[in-house]
C-alpha atoms as a PDB file:
ATOM      1  CA  UNK A   1       6.261   4.285  66.941  1.00  0.00           C
ATOM      2  CA  UNK A   2       3.437   2.168  65.522  1.00  0.00           C
ATOM      3  CA  UNK A   3       5.264   1.997  62.192  1.00  0.00           C
ATOM      4  CA  UNK A   4       8.407   0.690  63.847  1.00  0.00           C
ATOM      5  CA  UNK A   5       6.376  -1.847  65.789  1.00  0.00           C
ATOM      6  CA  UNK A   6       4.764  -3.091  62.582  1.00  0.00           C
ATOM      7  CA  UNK A   7       8.125  -3.231  60.788  1.00  0.00           C
ATOM      8  CA  UNK A   8       9.608  -5.261  63.631  1.00  0.00           C
ATOM      9  CA  UNK A   9       6.939  -7.957  63.150  1.00  0.00           C
ATOM     10  CA  UNK A  10       7.552  -8.375  59.416  1.00  0.00           C
ATOM     11  CA  UNK A  11       9.471 -11.338  57.974  1.00  0.00           C
ATOM     12  CA  UNK A  12      13.099 -10.392  57.420  1.00  0.00           C
ATOM     13  CA  UNK A  13      12.872  -7.407  59.747  1.00  0.00           C
ATOM     14  CA  UNK A  14      12.589  -3.713  59.081  1.00  0.00           C
ATOM     15  CA  UNK A  15      15.349  -3.490  56.476  1.00  0.00           C
ATOM     16  CA  UNK A  16      13.976  -6.245  54.233  1.00  0.00           C
ATOM     17  CA  UNK A  17      10.429  -4.923  54.574  1.00  0.00           C
ATOM     18  CA  UNK A  18      11.480  -1.391  53.665  1.00  0.00           C
ATOM     19  CA  UNK A  19      13.332  -2.682  50.596  1.00  0.00           C
ATOM     20  CA  UNK A  20      10.217  -4.602  49.497  1.00  0.00           C
ATOM     21  CA  UNK A  21       7.962  -1.584  50.045  1.00  0.00           C
ATOM     22  CA  UNK A  22      10.301   0.692  48.112  1.00  0.00           C
ATOM     23  CA  UNK A  23      10.529  -1.793  45.245  1.00  0.00           C
ATOM     24  CA  UNK A  24       6.718  -2.076  45.098  1.00  0.00           C
ATOM     25  CA  UNK A  25       6.340   1.718  45.090  1.00  0.00           C
ATOM     26  CA  UNK A  26       9.005   2.078  42.404  1.00  0.00           C
ATOM     27  CA  UNK A  27       7.297  -0.478  40.159  1.00  0.00           C
ATOM     28  CA  UNK A  28       3.870   1.080  40.729  1.00  0.00           C
ATOM     29  CA  UNK A  29       5.075   4.569  39.787  1.00  0.00           C
ATOM     30  CA  UNK A  30       7.290   3.487  36.873  1.00  0.00           C
ATOM     31  CA  UNK A  31       4.787   4.230  34.053  1.00  0.00           C
ATOM     32  CA  UNK A  32       4.049   7.720  35.387  1.00  0.00           C
ATOM     33  CA  UNK A  33       7.742   8.399  35.999  1.00  0.00           C
ATOM     34  CA  UNK A  34       8.617   7.302  32.463  1.00  0.00           C
ATOM     35  CA  UNK A  35       5.918   9.526  30.990  1.00  0.00           C
ATOM     36  CA  UNK A  36       7.117  12.482  33.065  1.00  0.00           C
ATOM     37  CA  UNK A  37      10.719  11.930  31.912  1.00  0.00           C
ATOM     38  CA  UNK A  38       9.644  11.638  28.250  1.00  0.00           C
ATOM     39  CA  UNK A  39       7.587  14.812  28.460  1.00  0.00           C
ATOM     40  CA  UNK A  40      10.384  16.694  30.195  1.00  0.00           C
ATOM     41  CA  UNK A  41      12.890  15.589  27.524  1.00  0.00           C
ATOM     42  CA  UNK A  42      10.509  16.671  24.774  1.00  0.00           C
ATOM     43  CA  UNK A  43       9.942  20.003  26.511  1.00  0.00           C
ATOM     44  CA  UNK A  44      13.689  20.659  26.813  1.00  0.00           C
ATOM     45  CA  UNK A  45      14.246  19.816  23.142  1.00  0.00           C
ATOM     46  CA  UNK A  46      11.291  21.905  21.977  1.00  0.00           C
ATOM     47  CA  UNK A  47      12.296  24.834  24.183  1.00  0.00           C
ATOM     48  CA  UNK A  48      15.760  24.922  22.600  1.00  0.00           C
ATOM     49  CA  UNK A  49      14.824  24.147  18.997  1.00  0.00           C
ATOM     50  CA  UNK A  50      11.182  25.016  18.401  1.00  0.00           C
ATOM     51  CA  UNK A  51      10.424  27.960  20.656  1.00  0.00           C
ATOM     52  CA  UNK A  52       9.861  30.308  17.706  1.00  0.00           C
ATOM     53  CA  UNK A  53       7.861  27.879  15.578  1.00  0.00           C
ATOM     54  CA  UNK A  54       4.115  28.357  15.023  1.00  0.00           C
ATOM     55  CA  UNK A  55       1.787  26.777  17.584  1.00  0.00           C
ATOM     56  CA  UNK A  56       4.673  26.134  19.995  1.00  0.00           C
ATOM     57  CA  UNK A  57       2.603  26.970  23.078  1.00  0.00           C
ATOM     58  CA  UNK A  58      -0.344  24.914  21.816  1.00  0.00           C
ATOM     59  CA  UNK A  59       2.027  22.018  21.326  1.00  0.00           C
ATOM     60  CA  UNK A  60       3.347  22.377  24.890  1.00  0.00           C
ATOM     61  CA  UNK A  61      -0.170  22.382  26.307  1.00  0.00           C
ATOM     62  CA  UNK A  62      -0.957  19.213  24.376  1.00  0.00           C
ATOM     63  CA  UNK A  63       2.307  17.635  25.534  1.00  0.00           C
ATOM     64  CA  UNK A  64       1.598  18.175  29.220  1.00  0.00           C
ATOM     65  CA  UNK A  65      -2.050  17.162  28.751  1.00  0.00           C
ATOM     66  CA  UNK A  66      -0.694  13.922  27.253  1.00  0.00           C
ATOM     67  CA  UNK A  67      -2.807  14.534  24.144  1.00  0.00           C
ATOM     68  CA  UNK A  68      -0.793  12.951  21.347  1.00  0.00           C
ATOM     69  CA  UNK A  69      -3.273  13.832  18.590  1.00  0.00           C
ATOM     70  CA  UNK A  70      -3.336  17.526  19.538  1.00  0.00           C
ATOM     71  CA  UNK A  71       0.447  17.480  19.965  1.00  0.00           C
ATOM     72  CA  UNK A  72       0.958  16.170  16.426  1.00  0.00           C
ATOM     73  CA  UNK A  73      -1.663  18.554  15.019  1.00  0.00           C
ATOM     74  CA  UNK A  74       0.032  21.564  16.639  1.00  0.00           C
ATOM     75  CA  UNK A  75       3.350  20.607  15.014  1.00  0.00           C
ATOM     76  CA  UNK A  76       1.844  20.304  11.536  1.00  0.00           C
ATOM     77  CA  UNK A  77       3.725  23.331  10.168  1.00  0.00           C
ATOM     78  CA  UNK A  78       7.065  22.392  11.709  1.00  0.00           C
ATOM     79  CA  UNK A  79       9.971  20.827   9.830  1.00  0.00           C
ATOM     80  CA  UNK A  80       9.556  17.066   9.585  1.00  0.00           C
ATOM     81  CA  UNK A  81      12.756  16.159  11.434  1.00  0.00           C
ATOM     82  CA  UNK A  82      11.806  18.326  14.417  1.00  0.00           C
ATOM     83  CA  UNK A  83       8.258  16.891  14.477  1.00  0.00           C
ATOM     84  CA  UNK A  84       9.560  13.341  14.316  1.00  0.00           C
ATOM     85  CA  UNK A  85      12.140  13.790  17.077  1.00  0.00           C
ATOM     86  CA  UNK A  86       9.767  15.693  19.370  1.00  0.00           C
ATOM     87  CA  UNK A  87       7.100  12.989  18.951  1.00  0.00           C
ATOM     88  CA  UNK A  88       9.652  10.274  19.640  1.00  0.00           C
ATOM     89  CA  UNK A  89      10.798  12.025  22.817  1.00  0.00           C
ATOM     90  CA  UNK A  90       7.289  12.833  24.008  1.00  0.00           C
ATOM     91  CA  UNK A  91       5.467   9.607  23.292  1.00  0.00           C
ATOM     92  CA  UNK A  92       8.216   7.094  22.632  1.00  0.00           C
ATOM     93  CA  UNK A  93       7.236   6.437  19.044  1.00  0.00           C
ATOM     94  CA  UNK A  94       7.440   7.947  15.611  1.00  0.00           C
ATOM     95  CA  UNK A  95       5.019  10.615  14.438  1.00  0.00           C
ATOM     96  CA  UNK A  96       2.058   9.091  12.623  1.00  0.00           C
ATOM     97  CA  UNK A  97       2.556   9.014   8.862  1.00  0.00           C
ATOM     98  CA  UNK A  98       0.083  10.728   6.544  1.00  0.00           C
END
């Protein structure tokens, strides 16, 4: 009840206030949501394509720890096109050139 009472006192009423609160929450969580989606996409790709490659599990641990350096290091022995695409999916950029 106290929530409804507070909502009733807000400018624009409950509906407008709820829309504003949802928009604020969505914007606040956007970076974390984007990272989660990137990591999930990379995981799905790696699961299908790279599951038998060396250091696959190490690479997954680095992915979900958000450790880009360890992620790239774990993929060192993988084919270049797979490394590049996985890095792009996971971190939104190309694998660092050597």
